[in-house]
Each structure stands twice: as structure tokens, then as C-alpha cells.
Amino acid sequence: MRNRLQWKVLSAPVWVAALLTAGMTLAGCKSAPDLSQSQALALIQADYDHGAPQGISIQVNNDGMVQGAQAKYWERTTVYPNKYWADFKLTDAGKKIVTLPSGGDKIEWRPSGLDDKNYTYRMVTVQANHLKAREVGDISDEMIAGADTAKGASFIEGVDLTGVPDLLQQAAHTPGNRLSAKRHADFALVNGAWTVHSIQ
């Protein structure tokens, strides 16, 4: 009995030292701060806002071309013998709202036939806006090269039509236009704060 008591007394400092060492180790290891969906959304939007605003690519269909001509944004200059090909020229008012892929002011309308309802012509709005992020999904831990701690989440990226004329906003909501897309954002912990590492 005496031997057992002596062993317990002698062993006590060893256990105490082990507990103290473990406590010091845990105290020195700081856990990563939480990253909520609202924080992730704010980080993504800040990343978008930091970049240059962009014009919006819009596919204009036949109805949009008719409405644009009525609004004096472009005027027809040539009608071809087949009666469904035509050339249009941007007016001064039109040049203030769109640019053309060709870089000039000539719209070459070339549908495949009189009944071609799917033909569209691409224009880019002069009004430039930043992309908008919304609907951040579940946030999960990730492995990213060069980052000790990382997370990721999917979200919806959409265009911002603020300041775009009504006619082009209506055209943007017709088939053939893609106003939003699903993206994935990677976040890395840098100096104790979450930052956007990349957007794919």
C-alpha cells in the first residue's frame, strides 16, 4: 500500500506537466474565424466592385430591332433583294447606348429566312456596371495550393441593368440572353482575415 501511494505521489507531477503542456499547445493554436454566407457574399461583391465596370452583351431579336428603329436608335439603310436581309446604321442616339462587335456603326441583319425567329444581333451596352453576386450556397473547407486554410462556396453571378435603357432591358430578357450564371468562389485566410482567392 505504501508503495502504491509513493508511486501516485511521484507520478502526479508528470501528469500535471503533461496537462499544462497540452493546454499551452491549445492556447497557442488559434482556430480560423468563421466565414458566414453573408460575409462570403460581401467579399465576393467587394471583389467585383474593385474591378472595372463592364458593358452588357445583349442579343437583340427581330422585335428588338423593330423597336430600336422606332426609338430612332438605328435606321435602315439597305434592303437586299431577298427582302429579309438588311443593313442598319446607328444614329447618334444609338451610339450613346450601344457599341457593335465590328466597332463601327453598321448593323448587318442576316437571318436565314423570312420565318427565322431565332436570329439575333449582338450589341454591348455603353452603360457599364459591376457584376452582382447573390445566393451564396453552403460554405465548405477546401484545399488550395499556397493557402494553409481555405474555404469555398457556389453562388450566382448576375449582370446589373441599372442605367440601361428600357428597350435594351426588354431585349435582354428574351431567349438567347444569359443574365446570370453559377460560379464558385475560393477563399483563403490571409493574416487572420478571409479574402477572395479566386472565382471560377
C-alpha atoms as a PDB file:
ATOM      1  CA  MET A   1       0.000   0.000   0.000  1.00  0.00           C
ATOM      2  CA  ARG A   2       2.798   2.328   0.871  1.00  0.00           C
ATOM      3  CA  ASN A   3       4.489   1.628  -2.454  1.00  0.00           C
ATOM      4  CA  ARG A   4       1.324   2.489  -4.363  1.00  0.00           C
ATOM      5  CA  LEU A   5       0.944   5.792  -2.533  1.00  0.00           C
ATOM      6  CA  GLN A   6       4.547   6.691  -3.236  1.00  0.00           C
ATOM      7  CA  TRP A   7       4.048   5.890  -6.947  1.00  0.00           C
ATOM      8  CA  LYS A   8       0.959   8.107  -7.161  1.00  0.00           C
ATOM      9  CA  VAL A   9       2.706  10.985  -5.408  1.00  0.00           C
ATOM     10  CA  LEU A  10       5.768  10.677  -7.603  1.00  0.00           C
ATOM     11  CA  SER A  11       3.675  10.328 -10.740  1.00  0.00           C
ATOM     12  CA  ALA A  12       1.471  13.366 -10.067  1.00  0.00           C
ATOM     13  CA  PRO A  13       3.973  15.991 -11.299  1.00  0.00           C
ATOM     14  CA  VAL A  14       4.381  14.069 -14.561  1.00  0.00           C
ATOM     15  CA  TRP A  15       0.608  14.181 -15.244  1.00  0.00           C
ATOM     16  CA  VAL A  16       0.372  17.834 -14.239  1.00  0.00           C
ATOM     17  CA  ALA A  17       3.234  18.737 -16.560  1.00  0.00           C
ATOM     18  CA  ALA A  18       1.595  16.856 -19.419  1.00  0.00           C
ATOM     19  CA  LEU A  19      -1.721  18.660 -18.867  1.00  0.00           C
ATOM     20  CA  LEU A  20      -0.017  22.045 -18.704  1.00  0.00           C
ATOM     21  CA  THR A  21       1.897  21.351 -21.910  1.00  0.00           C
ATOM     22  CA  ALA A  22      -1.296  20.326 -23.714  1.00  0.00           C
ATOM     23  CA  GLY A  23      -3.055  23.462 -22.504  1.00  0.00           C
ATOM     24  CA  MET A  24      -0.240  25.676 -23.690  1.00  0.00           C
ATOM     25  CA  THR A  25      -0.262  23.968 -27.074  1.00  0.00           C
ATOM     26  CA  LEU A  26      -4.015  24.507 -27.496  1.00  0.00           C
ATOM     27  CA  ALA A  27      -3.742  28.106 -26.377  1.00  0.00           C
ATOM     28  CA  GLY A  28      -1.056  28.767 -28.986  1.00  0.00           C
ATOM     29  CA  CYS A  29      -3.119  27.253 -31.808  1.00  0.00           C
ATOM     30  CA  LYS A  30      -5.720  29.788 -32.951  1.00  0.00           C
ATOM     31  CA  SER A  31      -8.698  28.436 -34.862  1.00  0.00           C
ATOM     32  CA  ALA A  32      -9.737  30.044 -38.135  1.00  0.00           C
ATOM     33  CA  PRO A  33     -12.539  32.631 -37.836  1.00  0.00           C
ATOM     34  CA  ASP A  34     -15.968  31.618 -39.109  1.00  0.00           C
ATOM     35  CA  LEU A  35     -16.979  32.580 -42.634  1.00  0.00           C
ATOM     36  CA  SER A  36     -20.727  33.091 -42.930  1.00  0.00           C
ATOM     37  CA  GLN A  37     -22.695  33.191 -46.167  1.00  0.00           C
ATOM     38  CA  SER A  38     -23.357  36.914 -45.728  1.00  0.00           C
ATOM     39  CA  GLN A  39     -19.640  37.575 -45.174  1.00  0.00           C
ATOM     40  CA  ALA A  40     -18.759  35.496 -48.222  1.00  0.00           C
ATOM     41  CA  LEU A  41     -21.283  37.438 -50.311  1.00  0.00           C
ATOM     42  CA  ALA A  42     -19.818  40.754 -49.152  1.00  0.00           C
ATOM     43  CA  LEU A  43     -16.285  39.586 -50.020  1.00  0.00           C
ATOM     44  CA  ILE A  44     -17.315  38.460 -53.497  1.00  0.00           C
ATOM     45  CA  GLN A  45     -19.193  41.698 -54.195  1.00  0.00           C
ATOM     46  CA  ALA A  46     -16.252  43.767 -52.963  1.00  0.00           C
ATOM     47  CA  ASP A  47     -14.012  41.808 -55.338  1.00  0.00           C
ATOM     48  CA  TYR A  48     -16.368  42.566 -58.246  1.00  0.00           C
ATOM     49  CA  ASP A  49     -16.662  46.228 -57.260  1.00  0.00           C
ATOM     50  CA  HIS A  50     -12.869  46.512 -57.181  1.00  0.00           C
ATOM     51  CA  GLY A  51     -12.668  45.576 -60.869  1.00  0.00           C
ATOM     52  CA  ALA A  52     -13.582  47.742 -63.844  1.00  0.00           C
ATOM     53  CA  PRO A  53     -17.301  48.005 -64.704  1.00  0.00           C
ATOM     54  CA  GLN A  54     -18.326  46.333 -67.939  1.00  0.00           C
ATOM     55  CA  GLY A  55     -20.895  46.795 -70.653  1.00  0.00           C
ATOM     56  CA  ILE A  56     -23.516  44.072 -71.000  1.00  0.00           C
ATOM     57  CA  SER A  57     -23.653  41.877 -74.087  1.00  0.00           C
ATOM     58  CA  ILE A  58     -27.233  41.646 -75.350  1.00  0.00           C
ATOM     59  CA  GLN A  59     -28.630  39.594 -78.213  1.00  0.00           C
ATOM     60  CA  VAL A  60     -31.317  41.689 -79.939  1.00  0.00           C
ATOM     61  CA  ASN A  61     -34.014  39.754 -81.839  1.00  0.00           C
ATOM     62  CA  ASN A  62     -36.320  40.899 -84.653  1.00  0.00           C
ATOM     63  CA  ASP A  63     -38.791  42.579 -82.290  1.00  0.00           C
ATOM     64  CA  GLY A  64     -35.936  44.417 -80.623  1.00  0.00           C
ATOM     65  CA  MET A  65     -34.648  45.627 -83.983  1.00  0.00           C
ATOM     66  CA  VAL A  66     -38.097  46.967 -84.885  1.00  0.00           C
ATOM     67  CA  GLN A  67     -38.431  48.710 -81.522  1.00  0.00           C
ATOM     68  CA  GLY A  68     -34.935  50.156 -81.812  1.00  0.00           C
ATOM     69  CA  ALA A  69     -35.732  51.583 -85.223  1.00  0.00           C
ATOM     70  CA  GLN A  70     -38.951  53.094 -83.863  1.00  0.00           C
ATOM     71  CA  ALA A  71     -36.990  54.620 -80.978  1.00  0.00           C
ATOM     72  CA  LYS A  72     -34.532  56.137 -83.505  1.00  0.00           C
ATOM     73  CA  TYR A  73     -31.549  54.188 -82.127  1.00  0.00           C
ATOM     74  CA  TRP A  74     -30.777  52.863 -85.613  1.00  0.00           C
ATOM     75  CA  GLU A  75     -32.189  53.353 -89.085  1.00  0.00           C
ATOM     76  CA  ARG A  76     -32.423  51.005 -92.038  1.00  0.00           C
ATOM     77  CA  THR A  77     -30.119  51.971 -94.906  1.00  0.00           C
ATOM     78  CA  THR A  78     -30.270  48.949 -97.216  1.00  0.00           C
ATOM     79  CA  VAL A  79     -32.797  46.231 -98.026  1.00  0.00           C
ATOM     80  CA  TYR A  80     -31.482  43.280-100.030  1.00  0.00           C
ATOM     81  CA  PRO A  81     -33.336  41.544-102.907  1.00  0.00           C
ATOM     82  CA  ASN A  82     -34.349  38.590-100.699  1.00  0.00           C
ATOM     83  CA  LYS A  83     -36.367  41.089 -98.612  1.00  0.00           C
ATOM     84  CA  TYR A  84     -35.174  39.740 -95.246  1.00  0.00           C
ATOM     85  CA  TRP A  85     -31.556  40.869 -95.206  1.00  0.00           C
ATOM     86  CA  ALA A  86     -30.956  44.490 -94.303  1.00  0.00           C
ATOM     87  CA  ASP A  87     -28.339  46.927 -93.114  1.00  0.00           C
ATOM     88  CA  PHE A  88     -28.964  49.407 -90.323  1.00  0.00           C
ATOM     89  CA  LYS A  89     -26.882  52.338 -89.153  1.00  0.00           C
ATOM     90  CA  LEU A  90     -26.630  53.513 -85.565  1.00  0.00           C
ATOM     91  CA  THR A  91     -27.937  57.018 -85.039  1.00  0.00           C
ATOM     92  CA  ASP A  92     -26.244  59.473 -82.692  1.00  0.00           C
ATOM     93  CA  ALA A  93     -28.770  58.416 -80.045  1.00  0.00           C
ATOM     94  CA  GLY A  94     -27.950  54.770 -80.688  1.00  0.00           C
ATOM     95  CA  LYS A  95     -24.216  55.364 -80.312  1.00  0.00           C
ATOM     96  CA  LYS A  96     -24.886  56.641 -76.811  1.00  0.00           C
ATOM     97  CA  ILE A  97     -26.439  53.359 -75.699  1.00  0.00           C
ATOM     98  CA  VAL A  98     -24.676  50.539 -77.612  1.00  0.00           C
ATOM     99  CA  THR A  99     -21.475  49.570 -79.364  1.00  0.00           C
ATOM    100  CA  LEU A 100     -21.231  46.915 -82.087  1.00  0.00           C
ATOM    101  CA  PRO A 101     -18.869  43.918 -82.357  1.00  0.00           C
ATOM    102  CA  SER A 102     -17.487  45.312 -85.608  1.00  0.00           C
ATOM    103  CA  GLY A 103     -16.520  48.520 -83.851  1.00  0.00           C
ATOM    104  CA  GLY A 104     -18.353  50.607 -86.431  1.00  0.00           C
ATOM    105  CA  ASP A 105     -21.931  51.817 -86.735  1.00  0.00           C
ATOM    106  CA  LYS A 106     -23.283  49.280 -89.247  1.00  0.00           C
ATOM    107  CA  ILE A 107     -25.672  46.505 -88.185  1.00  0.00           C
ATOM    108  CA  GLU A 108     -25.709  43.665 -90.704  1.00  0.00           C
ATOM    109  CA  TRP A 109     -29.036  41.867 -90.249  1.00  0.00           C
ATOM    110  CA  ARG A 110     -28.699  38.421 -91.820  1.00  0.00           C
ATOM    111  CA  PRO A 111     -31.445  35.939 -90.798  1.00  0.00           C
ATOM    112  CA  SER A 112     -31.676  32.636 -92.657  1.00  0.00           C
ATOM    113  CA  GLY A 113     -35.168  33.393 -93.980  1.00  0.00           C
ATOM    114  CA  LEU A 114     -38.381  35.330 -93.528  1.00  0.00           C
ATOM    115  CA  ASP A 115     -39.552  32.865 -90.887  1.00  0.00           C
ATOM    116  CA  ASP A 116     -36.288  32.861 -88.911  1.00  0.00           C
ATOM    117  CA  LYS A 117     -37.448  33.947 -85.452  1.00  0.00           C
ATOM    118  CA  ASN A 118     -34.253  32.862 -83.680  1.00  0.00           C
ATOM    119  CA  TYR A 119     -31.809  35.195 -85.399  1.00  0.00           C
ATOM    120  CA  THR A 120     -30.288  37.835 -83.147  1.00  0.00           C
ATOM    121  CA  TYR A 121     -27.614  40.511 -83.375  1.00  0.00           C
ATOM    122  CA  ARG A 122     -25.204  41.110 -80.508  1.00  0.00           C
ATOM    123  CA  MET A 123     -24.722  44.575 -79.071  1.00  0.00           C
ATOM    124  CA  VAL A 124     -22.893  45.783 -75.971  1.00  0.00           C
ATOM    125  CA  THR A 125     -24.340  48.469 -73.727  1.00  0.00           C
ATOM    126  CA  VAL A 126     -22.395  51.687 -73.330  1.00  0.00           C
ATOM    127  CA  GLN A 127     -23.656  51.778 -69.742  1.00  0.00           C
ATOM    128  CA  ALA A 128     -21.044  49.866 -67.753  1.00  0.00           C
ATOM    129  CA  ASN A 129     -21.861  48.279 -64.394  1.00  0.00           C
ATOM    130  CA  HIS A 130     -20.241  45.867 -61.978  1.00  0.00           C
ATOM    131  CA  LEU A 131     -21.412  42.295 -61.813  1.00  0.00           C
ATOM    132  CA  LYS A 132     -23.662  41.390 -58.886  1.00  0.00           C
ATOM    133  CA  ALA A 133     -23.335  38.354 -56.608  1.00  0.00           C
ATOM    134  CA  ARG A 134     -26.238  36.662 -54.829  1.00  0.00           C
ATOM    135  CA  GLU A 135     -27.427  33.378 -53.328  1.00  0.00           C
ATOM    136  CA  VAL A 136     -24.218  32.063 -51.773  1.00  0.00           C
ATOM    137  CA  GLY A 137     -24.534  28.347 -51.052  1.00  0.00           C
ATOM    138  CA  ASP A 138     -23.115  26.205 -48.276  1.00  0.00           C
ATOM    139  CA  ILE A 139     -19.529  27.015 -47.359  1.00  0.00           C
ATOM    140  CA  SER A 140     -17.119  24.084 -47.124  1.00  0.00           C
ATOM    141  CA  ASP A 141     -13.455  23.537 -46.279  1.00  0.00           C
ATOM    142  CA  GLU A 142     -11.148  23.297 -49.274  1.00  0.00           C
ATOM    143  CA  MET A 143      -7.540  22.617 -50.187  1.00  0.00           C
ATOM    144  CA  ILE A 144      -5.916  25.405 -52.207  1.00  0.00           C
ATOM    145  CA  ALA A 145      -2.280  25.439 -53.255  1.00  0.00           C
ATOM    146  CA  GLY A 146      -0.373  28.094 -51.336  1.00  0.00           C
ATOM    147  CA  ALA A 147      -3.072  28.566 -48.689  1.00  0.00           C
ATOM    148  CA  ASP A 148      -2.918  26.902 -45.262  1.00  0.00           C
ATOM    149  CA  THR A 149      -6.622  27.447 -44.613  1.00  0.00           C
ATOM    150  CA  ALA A 150      -9.231  27.742 -47.337  1.00  0.00           C
ATOM    151  CA  LYS A 151     -12.967  27.517 -47.939  1.00  0.00           C
ATOM    152  CA  GLY A 152     -15.231  27.575 -50.958  1.00  0.00           C
ATOM    153  CA  ALA A 153     -18.835  28.196 -51.937  1.00  0.00           C
ATOM    154  CA  SER A 154     -21.008  28.371 -55.028  1.00  0.00           C
ATOM    155  CA  PHE A 155     -23.033  31.493 -55.811  1.00  0.00           C
ATOM    156  CA  ILE A 156     -24.997  33.189 -58.580  1.00  0.00           C
ATOM    157  CA  GLU A 157     -23.315  35.894 -60.651  1.00  0.00           C
ATOM    158  CA  GLY A 158     -25.624  38.289 -62.488  1.00  0.00           C
ATOM    159  CA  VAL A 159     -25.438  41.394 -64.615  1.00  0.00           C
ATOM    160  CA  ASP A 160     -26.681  44.757 -63.382  1.00  0.00           C
ATOM    161  CA  LEU A 161     -29.021  46.516 -65.808  1.00  0.00           C
ATOM    162  CA  THR A 162     -29.150  49.762 -63.806  1.00  0.00           C
ATOM    163  CA  GLY A 163     -29.000  52.723 -66.177  1.00  0.00           C
ATOM    164  CA  VAL A 164     -29.586  50.591 -69.292  1.00  0.00           C
ATOM    165  CA  PRO A 165     -32.454  51.967 -71.463  1.00  0.00           C
ATOM    166  CA  ASP A 166     -35.788  50.146 -71.125  1.00  0.00           C
ATOM    167  CA  LEU A 167     -35.695  48.894 -74.712  1.00  0.00           C
ATOM    168  CA  LEU A 168     -32.388  47.096 -74.110  1.00  0.00           C
ATOM    169  CA  GLN A 169     -33.581  45.776 -70.760  1.00  0.00           C
ATOM    170  CA  GLN A 170     -36.568  44.230 -72.510  1.00  0.00           C
ATOM    171  CA  ALA A 171     -34.293  42.801 -75.215  1.00  0.00           C
ATOM    172  CA  ALA A 172     -32.003  41.351 -72.540  1.00  0.00           C
ATOM    173  CA  HIS A 173     -34.867  39.277 -71.139  1.00  0.00           C
ATOM    174  CA  THR A 174     -35.595  37.491 -74.411  1.00  0.00           C
ATOM    175  CA  PRO A 175     -34.343  33.961 -75.265  1.00  0.00           C
ATOM    176  CA  GLY A 176     -30.670  33.819 -76.202  1.00  0.00           C
ATOM    177  CA  ASN A 177     -29.537  36.153 -73.444  1.00  0.00           C
ATOM    178  CA  ARG A 178     -27.820  34.889 -70.320  1.00  0.00           C
ATOM    179  CA  LEU A 179     -28.134  37.344 -67.480  1.00  0.00           C
ATOM    180  CA  SER A 180     -26.815  35.091 -64.704  1.00  0.00           C
ATOM    181  CA  ALA A 181     -24.502  32.140 -64.209  1.00  0.00           C
ATOM    182  CA  LYS A 182     -23.487  29.808 -61.395  1.00  0.00           C
ATOM    183  CA  ARG A 183     -19.942  30.441 -60.149  1.00  0.00           C
ATOM    184  CA  HIS A 184     -17.644  29.098 -57.439  1.00  0.00           C
ATOM    185  CA  ALA A 185     -15.538  31.271 -55.142  1.00  0.00           C
ATOM    186  CA  ASP A 186     -12.439  30.133 -53.250  1.00  0.00           C
ATOM    187  CA  PHE A 187     -11.491  31.948 -50.046  1.00  0.00           C
ATOM    188  CA  ALA A 188      -8.093  31.936 -48.316  1.00  0.00           C
ATOM    189  CA  LEU A 189      -7.222  33.018 -44.795  1.00  0.00           C
ATOM    190  CA  VAL A 190      -4.581  35.766 -45.013  1.00  0.00           C
ATOM    191  CA  ASN A 191      -3.201  37.362 -41.834  1.00  0.00           C
ATOM    192  CA  GLY A 192      -6.237  36.186 -39.898  1.00  0.00           C
ATOM    193  CA  ALA A 193      -8.822  37.530 -42.356  1.00  0.00           C
ATOM    194  CA  TRP A 194     -10.744  35.836 -45.155  1.00  0.00           C
ATOM    195  CA  THR A 195     -10.029  37.034 -48.679  1.00  0.00           C
ATOM    196  CA  VAL A 196     -11.268  36.021 -52.127  1.00  0.00           C
ATOM    197  CA  HIS A 197      -8.611  33.750 -53.632  1.00  0.00           C
ATOM    198  CA  SER A 198     -10.287  33.134 -56.990  1.00  0.00           C
ATOM    199  CA  ILE A 199     -13.650  32.996 -58.756  1.00  0.00           C
ATOM    200  CA  GLN A 200     -14.350  30.308 -61.290  1.00  0.00           C
END
